[in-house]
Amino acid sequence: MADIQSPLPGTFYHRPSPEDDPYKSNGDAVAVGDVIGLVEVMKTFIEVKSEIAGTFSGYAADNEAPVTAGQVLATLDD
């Protein structure tokens, strides 16, 4: 199992917009570079990209939750 961590503090979003589906769902394949969420800092949205490949296990941080740098946002199975 591997973790995807927040690159910086801010607000974490599972979706690109409130009307859209989450970037990833349990069981989805994840490739290196896939976007799994967004972190918003001062009205700027930064894509959180996976640095490893695997199968998406789920989000560890809630949608629209405040997060800190290094906090686990999602987990992958190898």
C-alpha atoms as a PDB file:
ATOM      1  CA  MET A   1       0.000   0.000   0.000  1.00  0.00           C
ATOM      2  CA  ALA A   2       1.288   3.455  -0.881  1.00  0.00           C
ATOM      3  CA  ASP A   3       0.213   6.947   0.137  1.00  0.00           C
ATOM      4  CA  ILE A   4      -0.305  10.094  -1.903  1.00  0.00           C
ATOM      5  CA  GLN A   5       0.507  13.113   0.241  1.00  0.00           C
ATOM      6  CA  SER A   6      -0.437  16.755   0.053  1.00  0.00           C
ATOM      7  CA  PRO A   7       2.325  18.891  -1.456  1.00  0.00           C
ATOM      8  CA  LEU A   8       1.236  21.941   0.573  1.00  0.00           C
ATOM      9  CA  PRO A   9      -1.350  23.121   3.108  1.00  0.00           C
ATOM     10  CA  GLY A  10      -4.782  24.190   1.881  1.00  0.00           C
ATOM     11  CA  THR A  11      -8.243  22.796   1.145  1.00  0.00           C
ATOM     12  CA  PHE A  12      -8.448  19.401  -0.568  1.00  0.00           C
ATOM     13  CA  TYR A  13     -11.012  18.638  -3.264  1.00  0.00           C
ATOM     14  CA  HIS A  14     -11.869  15.208  -4.708  1.00  0.00           C
ATOM     15  CA  ARG A  15     -13.555  16.748  -7.785  1.00  0.00           C
ATOM     16  CA  PRO A  16     -12.635  19.338 -10.415  1.00  0.00           C
ATOM     17  CA  SER A  17     -15.989  21.083  -9.757  1.00  0.00           C
ATOM     18  CA  PRO A  18     -19.022  20.377  -7.529  1.00  0.00           C
ATOM     19  CA  GLU A  19     -21.017  18.931 -10.476  1.00  0.00           C
ATOM     20  CA  ASP A  20     -18.283  16.531 -11.616  1.00  0.00           C
ATOM     21  CA  ASP A  21     -17.476  13.017 -10.465  1.00  0.00           C
ATOM     22  CA  PRO A  22     -14.448  12.490  -8.209  1.00  0.00           C
ATOM     23  CA  TYR A  23     -11.116  12.177 -10.001  1.00  0.00           C
ATOM     24  CA  LYS A  24     -10.774   8.569  -8.846  1.00  0.00           C
ATOM     25  CA  SER A  25     -13.026   5.874  -7.354  1.00  0.00           C
ATOM     26  CA  ASN A  26     -12.110   2.735  -5.432  1.00  0.00           C
ATOM     27  CA  GLY A  27     -10.653   0.147  -7.793  1.00  0.00           C
ATOM     28  CA  ASP A  28      -9.643   2.620 -10.527  1.00  0.00           C
ATOM     29  CA  ALA A  29      -6.237   2.202 -12.123  1.00  0.00           C
ATOM     30  CA  VAL A  30      -3.825   5.035 -11.343  1.00  0.00           C
ATOM     31  CA  ALA A  31      -0.846   5.797 -13.588  1.00  0.00           C
ATOM     32  CA  VAL A  32       2.114   8.006 -12.780  1.00  0.00           C
ATOM     33  CA  GLY A  33       1.007  11.594 -13.362  1.00  0.00           C
ATOM     34  CA  ASP A  34      -2.736  10.969 -12.921  1.00  0.00           C
ATOM     35  CA  VAL A  35      -4.550  13.765 -11.078  1.00  0.00           C
ATOM     36  CA  ILE A  36      -6.286  12.474  -7.939  1.00  0.00           C
ATOM     37  CA  GLY A  37      -7.439  15.805  -6.490  1.00  0.00           C
ATOM     38  CA  LEU A  38      -6.841  19.516  -6.039  1.00  0.00           C
ATOM     39  CA  VAL A  39      -5.419  21.565  -3.190  1.00  0.00           C
ATOM     40  CA  GLU A  40      -6.653  25.163  -3.080  1.00  0.00           C
ATOM     41  CA  VAL A  41      -4.435  27.826  -1.565  1.00  0.00           C
ATOM     42  CA  MET A  42      -5.491  31.478  -1.693  1.00  0.00           C
ATOM     43  CA  LYS A  43      -7.871  30.876  -4.653  1.00  0.00           C
ATOM     44  CA  THR A  44      -5.186  29.004  -6.598  1.00  0.00           C
ATOM     45  CA  PHE A  45      -5.867  25.341  -7.388  1.00  0.00           C
ATOM     46  CA  ILE A  46      -2.893  22.969  -7.537  1.00  0.00           C
ATOM     47  CA  GLU A  47      -3.335  19.512  -9.067  1.00  0.00           C
ATOM     48  CA  VAL A  48      -2.243  16.613  -6.862  1.00  0.00           C
ATOM     49  CA  LYS A  49      -0.667  14.020  -9.145  1.00  0.00           C
ATOM     50  CA  SER A  50       0.300  10.455  -8.341  1.00  0.00           C
ATOM     51  CA  GLU A  51       4.023   9.721  -8.399  1.00  0.00           C
ATOM     52  CA  ILE A  52       3.390   5.958  -8.453  1.00  0.00           C
ATOM     53  CA  ALA A  53       1.154   3.533 -10.329  1.00  0.00           C
ATOM     54  CA  GLY A  54      -1.356   1.254  -8.632  1.00  0.00           C
ATOM     55  CA  THR A  55      -5.010   0.669  -7.857  1.00  0.00           C
ATOM     56  CA  PHE A  56      -6.914   3.439  -6.077  1.00  0.00           C
ATOM     57  CA  SER A  57      -7.918   2.342  -2.555  1.00  0.00           C
ATOM     58  CA  GLY A  58      -9.708   5.512  -1.497  1.00  0.00           C
ATOM     59  CA  TYR A  59      -9.382   9.024  -0.197  1.00  0.00           C
ATOM     60  CA  ALA A  60      -7.914   9.430   3.286  1.00  0.00           C
ATOM     61  CA  ALA A  61      -8.901  13.117   3.485  1.00  0.00           C
ATOM     62  CA  ASP A  62     -12.510  14.273   3.181  1.00  0.00           C
ATOM     63  CA  ASN A  63     -13.665  16.412   0.282  1.00  0.00           C
ATOM     64  CA  GLU A  64     -13.290  20.140   1.052  1.00  0.00           C
ATOM     65  CA  ALA A  65     -11.250  19.344   4.173  1.00  0.00           C
ATOM     66  CA  PRO A  66      -8.346  21.487   5.364  1.00  0.00           C
ATOM     67  CA  VAL A  67      -5.060  19.606   4.924  1.00  0.00           C
ATOM     68  CA  THR A  68      -1.448  20.157   5.906  1.00  0.00           C
ATOM     69  CA  ALA A  69       1.700  19.602   3.844  1.00  0.00           C
ATOM     70  CA  GLY A  70       2.640  15.928   3.952  1.00  0.00           C
ATOM     71  CA  GLN A  71      -0.811  14.771   5.070  1.00  0.00           C
ATOM     72  CA  VAL A  72      -2.020  11.568   3.388  1.00  0.00           C
ATOM     73  CA  LEU A  73      -4.744  12.390   0.876  1.00  0.00           C
ATOM     74  CA  ALA A  74      -5.297   8.990  -0.754  1.00  0.00           C
ATOM     75  CA  THR A  75      -3.964   5.450  -0.749  1.00  0.00           C
ATOM     76  CA  LEU A  76      -3.045   3.056  -3.542  1.00  0.00           C
ATOM     77  CA  ASP A  77      -2.618  -0.711  -3.615  1.00  0.00           C
ATOM     78  CA  ASP A  78       0.450  -1.912  -5.512  1.00  0.00           C
END
